[in-house]
Amino acid sequence: MDRKNVILEDRWHRNILNAYWIVMLMFLTAQAAFLLSGGVFSDTVERDARSWIQFAGSNGFIILLLIATEIWIKNWPVHQKKAIIGCGFFMSYMVYFIIEPTADGAQMALLLPVLISVVYFDRVLLYGFGLFTIVTYGALYFLMERPWYGKPIQEFIQTECVFIVGLIIGRTILVRVKEFISYLQSVMKSEQQLLVEKTISDKLLKMDALTDLYNHKTFHEYLDALLEHSEKYHLPLQLAIIDIDGFKKVNDTYGHWVGDLVLKKVASTLTSIMMPNDFAARYGGEEFAVIFADKTLAEAQAITEDLRKGISGVEHANMKGRPVTVSIGLCDYQPGDDKESLFRKADSALYYAKRTGKNKVITASDVILADSIEGKVASI
């Protein structure tokens, strides 16, 4: 039994014991009021000490029984349900004898352990105490009620029928509870299945089937959210666009299926180098895009350089061991940049990398510096 179930069962133990104490308190109050108002128990002839001794003795036994049960529950974790129902069993018989077997309906007190067994949803205890109550009352009737009080056999039959009906109703409640639990489990299983299907469906909508990276649409949704966050909290952000060099030639020379293998390998290398806060997607055809969050431009540049080297170092068996290379354009987010300006800077850096020899990482600041140098040279 896990800890949560243990806590819940302990709570029920406490609630039932509290109910026992409340019943006992009410019973004591009723008897005391009866004696104080001038009443006497049936086997005494007048209001004297004997009535109070009988009152203290019979009720004192029940109180000692309750205290013993409290001690058991507190110190011994085994058979706690049996201890509580057993306490209810003895308590019901003591109450039955205190209010006198001659009183109409006194026998109904004997149903207490059956009711408590239903509260615990315990079929074994229900049958055990239910049958024991039926048999025990039969013995009490023939040994005490009939010879001492002259109770008619019809009353015995009616009382036993009530006990049997109570046992049947208790069993019916447990069956219904079991059916309801089974129904809840089936509903939960269906909901879990729907949740799994929804998760799979969401993944299919967000992921690229070939590379297992995020797709173009999801990338833009994430970038929009990050740009808003960066603008609000000044979060460092970099965007890298990665393009496989000469990918069309790979497809034309080795076939599209080899091209797919190359895309998978590049995606796998990209995933292995990325940090937990980074976000990668297949942006289109042979292009990939990566968002670096909470890094400096130098850190993002170092990661993309490692990526470039990692990809160029892979030999592809289906291309006769030849490697593929990538060109990478990297830009740093500046306050006020929108998505279009960010992509424009990254595209410009990627184009410069392609134009100046491929297989390299170029930042947007490198392009600005190069354009500045070219402008000065042209002016001379």
Protein backbone atom coordinates (compact mmCIF):
# COMPACT_ATOMS: atom_id res chain seq x y z
CA MET A 1 0.00 0.00 0.00
CA ASP A 2 1.43 3.37 -1.00
CA ARG A 3 1.78 6.27 1.39
CA LYS A 4 -1.25 8.14 0.04
CA ASN A 5 -3.54 5.15 0.66
CA VAL A 6 -2.08 4.68 4.14
CA ILE A 7 -2.82 8.34 4.98
CA LEU A 8 -6.39 8.02 3.67
CA GLU A 9 -7.01 4.81 5.63
CA ASP A 10 -5.57 6.37 8.80
CA ARG A 11 -7.98 9.25 8.32
CA TRP A 12 -10.92 6.84 8.10
CA HIS A 13 -9.70 5.02 11.24
CA ARG A 14 -9.71 8.36 13.04
CA ASN A 15 -13.15 9.37 11.73
CA ILE A 16 -14.75 6.07 12.79
CA LEU A 17 -13.16 6.17 16.23
CA ASN A 18 -14.36 9.75 16.63
CA ALA A 19 -17.86 8.55 15.71
CA TYR A 20 -17.60 5.83 18.37
CA TRP A 21 -16.67 8.43 20.99
CA ILE A 22 -19.52 10.72 19.95
CA VAL A 23 -22.03 7.86 20.17
CA MET A 24 -20.63 6.89 23.56
CA LEU A 25 -20.86 10.48 24.81
CA MET A 26 -24.47 10.77 23.65
CA PHE A 27 -25.30 7.41 25.23
CA LEU A 28 -23.69 8.42 28.53
CA THR A 29 -25.56 11.73 28.53
CA ALA A 30 -28.89 10.03 27.88
CA GLN A 31 -28.37 7.48 30.68
CA ALA A 32 -27.17 10.11 33.16
CA ALA A 33 -30.17 12.31 32.37
CA PHE A 34 -32.43 9.30 32.87
CA LEU A 35 -30.93 8.52 36.30
CA LEU A 36 -30.85 12.15 37.42
CA SER A 37 -34.50 12.56 36.52
CA GLY A 38 -35.43 9.77 38.94
CA GLY A 39 -35.31 6.76 36.64
CA VAL A 40 -33.89 3.40 37.68
CA PHE A 41 -32.58 0.42 35.74
CA SER A 42 -34.95 -2.50 35.42
CA ASP A 43 -33.16 -4.77 37.90
CA THR A 44 -33.17 -2.14 40.68
CA VAL A 45 -36.20 -1.14 42.66
CA GLU A 46 -35.34 2.41 43.49
CA ARG A 47 -33.03 5.26 42.64
CA ASP A 48 -29.95 4.25 44.65
CA ALA A 49 -26.21 3.64 44.35
CA ARG A 50 -26.81 0.34 42.59
CA SER A 51 -28.16 2.09 39.52
CA TRP A 52 -25.11 4.34 39.37
CA ILE A 53 -22.76 1.37 39.87
CA GLN A 54 -24.43 -0.44 37.00
CA PHE A 55 -24.22 2.75 34.94
CA ALA A 56 -20.48 3.18 35.71
CA GLY A 57 -19.60 -0.48 35.23
CA SER A 58 -21.31 -1.10 31.90
CA ASN A 59 -20.25 2.18 30.36
CA GLY A 60 -16.78 1.98 31.86
CA PHE A 61 -16.20 -1.28 30.00
CA ILE A 62 -17.09 0.38 26.68
CA ILE A 63 -14.78 3.32 27.44
CA LEU A 64 -11.92 0.93 28.27
CA LEU A 65 -12.61 -0.88 24.99
CA LEU A 66 -12.38 2.39 23.07
CA ILE A 67 -9.15 3.36 24.86
CA ALA A 68 -7.65 -0.06 24.07
CA THR A 69 -8.57 0.39 20.40
CA GLU A 70 -6.98 3.87 20.38
CA ILE A 71 -3.76 2.38 21.82
CA TRP A 72 -3.80 -0.42 19.22
CA ILE A 73 -4.25 2.00 16.32
CA LYS A 74 -1.48 4.24 17.58
CA ASN A 75 1.13 1.56 18.30
CA TRP A 76 0.42 -1.43 16.01
CA PRO A 77 -0.05 -0.91 12.27
CA VAL A 78 -1.34 -4.44 11.60
CA HIS A 79 -5.03 -5.48 11.59
CA GLN A 80 -6.22 -1.96 12.31
CA LYS A 81 -9.48 -2.38 10.39
CA LYS A 82 -10.23 -5.58 12.28
CA ALA A 83 -9.47 -3.85 15.57
CA ILE A 84 -11.86 -0.99 14.81
CA ILE A 85 -14.66 -3.24 13.53
CA GLY A 86 -14.09 -5.61 16.44
CA CYS A 87 -14.41 -2.67 18.80
CA GLY A 88 -17.67 -1.75 17.10
CA PHE A 89 -18.85 -5.37 17.46
CA PHE A 90 -18.28 -5.52 21.22
CA MET A 91 -19.54 -1.97 21.65
CA SER A 92 -22.80 -2.84 19.84
CA TYR A 93 -23.41 -5.84 22.14
CA MET A 94 -22.66 -3.79 25.25
CA VAL A 95 -25.07 -1.09 24.09
CA TYR A 96 -27.61 -3.82 23.31
CA PHE A 97 -27.41 -5.17 26.86
CA ILE A 98 -27.36 -1.71 28.48
CA ILE A 99 -30.51 -0.55 26.70
CA GLU A 100 -31.93 -3.98 27.53
CA PRO A 101 -32.87 -6.76 25.11
CA THR A 102 -36.51 -6.22 26.05
CA ALA A 103 -36.63 -2.81 24.37
CA ASP A 104 -38.18 -2.80 20.92
CA GLY A 105 -35.54 -2.45 18.21
CA ALA A 106 -32.60 -2.93 20.58
CA GLN A 107 -31.26 -5.60 18.23
CA MET A 108 -30.53 -2.99 15.55
CA ALA A 109 -27.47 -1.93 17.55
CA LEU A 110 -25.92 -5.25 16.54
CA LEU A 111 -25.73 -4.08 12.90
CA LEU A 112 -22.93 -1.60 13.74
CA PRO A 113 -19.99 -3.86 12.66
CA VAL A 114 -21.76 -4.64 9.40
CA LEU A 115 -22.16 -0.92 8.65
CA ILE A 116 -18.51 -0.22 9.48
CA SER A 117 -17.41 -3.06 7.16
CA VAL A 118 -19.33 -1.34 4.35
CA VAL A 119 -17.57 1.95 5.14
CA TYR A 120 -14.23 0.17 4.62
CA PHE A 121 -15.46 -1.52 1.40
CA ASP A 122 -14.14 -4.80 2.80
CA ARG A 123 -16.15 -7.79 1.58
CA VAL A 124 -14.35 -10.33 3.77
CA LEU A 125 -15.03 -8.36 6.96
CA LEU A 126 -18.61 -7.71 5.87
CA TYR A 127 -19.33 -11.42 5.39
CA GLY A 128 -17.39 -12.40 8.51
CA PHE A 129 -19.04 -10.00 10.94
CA GLY A 130 -22.41 -10.22 9.16
CA LEU A 131 -22.64 -13.99 9.47
CA PHE A 132 -21.21 -13.88 12.98
CA THR A 133 -23.90 -11.37 14.00
CA ILE A 134 -26.65 -13.59 12.57
CA VAL A 135 -25.33 -16.69 14.37
CA THR A 136 -24.58 -14.88 17.64
CA TYR A 137 -27.99 -13.29 17.83
CA GLY A 138 -29.57 -16.68 17.21
CA ALA A 139 -27.67 -18.03 20.21
CA LEU A 140 -28.66 -15.02 22.35
CA TYR A 141 -32.28 -15.41 21.45
CA PHE A 142 -32.54 -19.11 22.35
CA LEU A 143 -30.28 -18.87 25.41
CA MET A 144 -31.51 -15.57 26.89
CA GLU A 145 -34.29 -13.66 25.16
CA ARG A 146 -36.77 -16.51 24.75
CA PRO A 147 -36.35 -18.24 28.15
CA TRP A 148 -35.78 -15.04 30.20
CA TYR A 149 -37.97 -12.46 28.45
CA GLY A 150 -40.39 -14.67 26.59
CA LYS A 151 -39.85 -12.98 23.23
CA PRO A 152 -41.95 -14.61 20.49
CA ILE A 153 -40.35 -16.56 17.67
CA GLN A 154 -41.85 -14.08 15.17
CA GLU A 155 -39.66 -11.29 16.58
CA PHE A 156 -36.58 -13.52 16.28
CA ILE A 157 -37.41 -14.28 12.63
CA GLN A 158 -38.04 -10.62 11.85
CA THR A 159 -34.76 -9.56 13.48
CA GLU A 160 -32.75 -12.23 11.67
CA CYS A 161 -34.39 -11.18 8.40
CA VAL A 162 -33.31 -7.59 9.07
CA PHE A 163 -29.75 -8.80 9.66
CA ILE A 164 -29.79 -10.87 6.47
CA VAL A 165 -31.25 -7.97 4.46
CA GLY A 166 -28.60 -5.67 5.96
CA LEU A 167 -25.89 -8.10 4.87
CA ILE A 168 -27.37 -8.34 1.36
CA ILE A 169 -27.64 -4.55 1.09
CA GLY A 170 -24.04 -4.19 2.29
CA ARG A 171 -22.90 -6.71 -0.34
CA THR A 172 -24.92 -4.87 -3.01
CA ILE A 173 -23.25 -1.59 -2.04
CA LEU A 174 -19.80 -3.19 -2.36
CA VAL A 175 -20.70 -4.67 -5.76
CA ARG A 176 -21.93 -1.28 -6.96
CA VAL A 177 -18.78 0.39 -5.65
CA LYS A 178 -16.67 -2.18 -7.49
CA GLU A 179 -18.64 -1.58 -10.70
CA PHE A 180 -18.28 2.18 -10.26
CA ILE A 181 -14.52 1.88 -9.69
CA SER A 182 -14.28 -0.31 -12.80
CA TYR A 183 -16.23 2.32 -14.73
CA LEU A 184 -13.96 5.11 -13.46
CA GLN A 185 -10.89 3.08 -14.44
CA SER A 186 -12.27 2.56 -17.94
CA VAL A 187 -13.02 6.29 -18.22
CA MET A 188 -9.53 7.18 -16.99
CA LYS A 189 -8.02 4.68 -19.42
CA SER A 190 -10.01 6.22 -22.27
CA GLU A 191 -8.92 9.71 -21.22
CA GLN A 192 -5.31 8.56 -21.02
CA GLN A 193 -5.63 7.05 -24.48
CA LEU A 194 -7.09 10.30 -25.80
CA LEU A 195 -4.27 12.23 -24.12
CA VAL A 196 -1.66 9.96 -25.74
CA GLU A 197 -3.35 10.34 -29.12
CA LYS A 198 -3.52 14.12 -28.68
CA THR A 199 0.16 14.21 -27.67
CA ILE A 200 1.12 12.18 -30.72
CA SER A 201 -1.07 14.36 -32.92
CA ASP A 202 0.47 17.55 -31.48
CA LYS A 203 3.93 16.11 -32.06
CA LEU A 204 3.09 15.27 -35.67
CA LEU A 205 1.84 18.82 -36.18
CA LYS A 206 4.95 20.35 -34.61
CA MET A 207 7.72 18.01 -35.75
CA ASP A 208 9.39 17.36 -39.07
CA ALA A 209 8.82 13.69 -39.89
CA LEU A 210 12.21 13.13 -41.53
CA THR A 211 14.59 14.78 -39.05
CA ASP A 212 12.55 14.75 -35.79
CA LEU A 213 13.31 18.45 -35.41
CA TYR A 214 10.62 21.09 -35.08
CA ASN A 215 9.01 22.19 -38.31
CA HIS A 216 8.90 25.62 -39.96
CA LYS A 217 5.54 26.66 -38.43
CA THR A 218 6.51 25.70 -34.87
CA PHE A 219 9.84 27.46 -35.23
CA HIS A 220 8.15 30.75 -36.10
CA GLU A 221 5.69 30.40 -33.20
CA TYR A 222 8.54 29.84 -30.77
CA LEU A 223 10.63 32.68 -32.23
CA ASP A 224 7.70 35.12 -31.94
CA ALA A 225 7.33 34.25 -28.26
CA LEU A 226 11.07 34.51 -27.60
CA LEU A 227 11.37 37.87 -29.35
CA GLU A 228 8.58 39.25 -27.19
CA HIS A 229 10.27 37.84 -24.10
CA SER A 230 13.66 39.24 -25.13
CA GLU A 231 12.20 42.68 -25.77
CA LYS A 232 10.51 42.68 -22.37
CA TYR A 233 13.26 41.19 -20.21
CA HIS A 234 16.39 41.92 -22.30
CA LEU A 235 17.12 38.23 -22.78
CA PRO A 236 20.16 37.53 -25.01
CA LEU A 237 19.13 35.84 -28.24
CA GLN A 238 20.91 34.66 -31.40
CA LEU A 239 19.60 33.19 -34.62
CA ALA A 240 21.61 30.83 -36.84
CA ILE A 241 20.60 29.66 -40.29
CA ILE A 242 22.39 26.54 -41.51
CA ASP A 243 22.51 25.46 -45.13
CA ILE A 244 24.02 22.22 -46.47
CA ASP A 245 26.60 23.05 -49.13
CA GLY A 246 25.96 21.51 -52.56
CA PHE A 247 22.93 19.54 -51.43
CA LYS A 248 21.35 19.56 -54.90
CA LYS A 249 24.46 17.86 -56.23
CA VAL A 250 24.14 15.17 -53.51
CA ASN A 251 20.58 14.44 -54.63
CA ASP A 252 21.51 14.46 -58.32
CA THR A 253 24.58 12.26 -57.84
CA TYR A 254 23.50 9.74 -55.19
CA GLY A 255 19.72 9.97 -55.21
CA HIS A 256 17.14 11.58 -52.97
CA TRP A 257 17.17 8.69 -50.50
CA VAL A 258 20.86 9.43 -49.79
CA GLY A 259 19.95 13.09 -49.49
CA ASP A 260 17.39 12.13 -46.82
CA LEU A 261 20.08 10.21 -44.95
CA VAL A 262 22.33 13.27 -45.06
CA LEU A 263 19.53 15.45 -43.68
CA LYS A 264 18.97 12.97 -40.83
CA LYS A 265 22.66 12.88 -40.01
CA VAL A 266 22.99 16.66 -39.97
CA ALA A 267 19.90 16.89 -37.73
CA SER A 268 21.35 14.24 -35.42
CA THR A 269 24.65 16.12 -35.15
CA LEU A 270 22.79 19.35 -34.53
CA THR A 271 20.74 17.77 -31.72
CA SER A 272 23.81 16.27 -30.06
CA ILE A 273 25.62 19.64 -29.89
CA MET A 274 22.69 21.83 -28.88
CA MET A 275 22.28 23.00 -25.29
CA PRO A 276 19.00 22.50 -23.33
CA ASN A 277 17.89 26.13 -23.85
CA ASP A 278 18.45 26.00 -27.63
CA PHE A 279 15.70 25.41 -30.17
CA ALA A 280 16.36 23.78 -33.55
CA ALA A 281 14.09 23.27 -36.55
CA ARG A 282 14.21 22.12 -40.11
CA TYR A 283 13.47 25.42 -41.77
CA GLY A 284 13.04 24.14 -45.31
CA GLY A 285 14.64 21.75 -47.86
CA GLU A 286 18.29 21.59 -46.81
CA GLU A 287 18.11 24.54 -44.40
CA PHE A 288 18.03 24.40 -40.61
CA ALA A 289 17.50 27.18 -38.09
CA VAL A 290 18.63 27.38 -34.48
CA ILE A 291 17.66 29.86 -31.77
CA PHE A 292 20.21 30.30 -29.00
CA ALA A 293 18.81 31.71 -25.76
CA ASP A 294 20.58 33.13 -22.73
CA LYS A 295 24.03 33.09 -24.37
CA THR A 296 26.52 35.65 -25.57
CA LEU A 297 27.26 35.98 -29.26
CA ALA A 298 30.72 34.47 -28.66
CA GLU A 299 29.18 31.40 -26.97
CA ALA A 300 26.68 30.93 -29.80
CA GLN A 301 29.48 31.32 -32.35
CA ALA A 302 31.56 28.67 -30.56
CA ILE A 303 28.63 26.22 -30.61
CA THR A 304 27.94 26.79 -34.32
CA GLU A 305 31.65 26.33 -35.08
CA ASP A 306 31.59 23.03 -33.22
CA LEU A 307 28.54 22.09 -35.23
CA ARG A 308 30.23 22.95 -38.52
CA LYS A 309 33.28 20.88 -37.61
CA GLY A 310 31.13 17.99 -36.36
CA ILE A 311 29.16 17.83 -39.61
CA SER A 312 32.22 18.12 -41.85
CA GLY A 313 33.92 15.34 -39.89
CA VAL A 314 31.24 12.75 -40.65
CA GLU A 315 31.97 10.32 -43.48
CA HIS A 316 28.88 9.11 -45.32
CA ALA A 317 29.11 5.48 -46.40
CA ASN A 318 26.46 5.92 -49.09
CA MET A 319 28.55 8.73 -50.61
CA LYS A 320 31.72 6.62 -50.78
CA GLY A 321 32.91 8.06 -47.48
CA ARG A 322 32.71 11.65 -48.63
CA PRO A 323 31.69 14.28 -46.06
CA VAL A 324 29.22 17.11 -46.45
CA THR A 325 29.74 20.64 -45.18
CA VAL A 326 27.48 23.43 -44.05
CA SER A 327 27.56 27.19 -44.18
CA ILE A 328 26.15 29.08 -41.21
CA GLY A 329 24.91 32.63 -40.87
CA LEU A 330 24.65 33.91 -37.29
CA CYS A 331 23.21 37.14 -35.95
CA ASP A 332 22.69 38.63 -32.52
CA TYR A 333 19.38 40.10 -31.40
CA GLN A 334 19.48 43.83 -30.79
CA PRO A 335 16.72 45.77 -28.96
CA GLY A 336 14.14 46.86 -31.51
CA ASP A 337 14.81 43.99 -33.93
CA ASP A 338 11.73 42.28 -35.29
CA LYS A 339 11.58 38.83 -36.85
CA GLU A 340 12.10 40.10 -40.39
CA SER A 341 15.19 42.14 -39.53
CA LEU A 342 16.64 39.22 -37.55
CA PHE A 343 16.21 36.87 -40.51
CA ARG A 344 17.55 39.46 -42.91
CA LYS A 345 20.78 39.76 -40.89
CA ALA A 346 21.16 35.97 -40.55
CA ASP A 347 20.45 35.46 -44.29
CA SER A 348 22.97 38.13 -45.18
CA ALA A 349 25.62 36.36 -43.07
CA LEU A 350 24.74 32.98 -44.64
CA TYR A 351 24.96 34.45 -48.14
CA TYR A 352 28.37 35.91 -47.32
CA ALA A 353 29.56 32.53 -46.05
CA LYS A 354 28.40 30.88 -49.29
CA ARG A 355 29.94 33.60 -51.45
CA THR A 356 33.32 33.46 -49.71
CA GLY A 357 33.99 29.73 -49.93
CA LYS A 358 31.33 27.88 -47.92
CA ASN A 359 31.96 25.56 -44.94
CA LYS A 360 32.27 28.44 -42.49
CA VAL A 361 30.45 30.40 -39.79
CA ILE A 362 29.85 34.08 -40.51
CA THR A 363 28.21 36.53 -38.14
CA ALA A 364 26.21 39.59 -39.10
CA SER A 365 28.91 41.77 -37.52
CA ASP A 366 31.49 40.10 -39.81
CA VAL A 367 29.41 41.13 -42.83
CA ILE A 368 29.13 44.72 -41.59
CA LEU A 369 32.89 44.84 -41.02
CA ALA A 370 33.60 43.35 -44.45
CA ASP A 371 31.22 45.79 -46.16
CA SER A 372 32.90 48.67 -44.34
CA ILE A 373 36.36 47.56 -45.48
CA GLU A 374 35.15 47.05 -49.06
CA GLY A 375 33.57 50.52 -48.99
CA LYS A 376 36.82 52.14 -47.83
CA VAL A 377 38.83 50.24 -50.45
CA ALA A 378 36.38 51.27 -53.17
CA SER A 379 36.60 54.91 -52.09
CA ILE A 380 40.40 54.83 -52.43
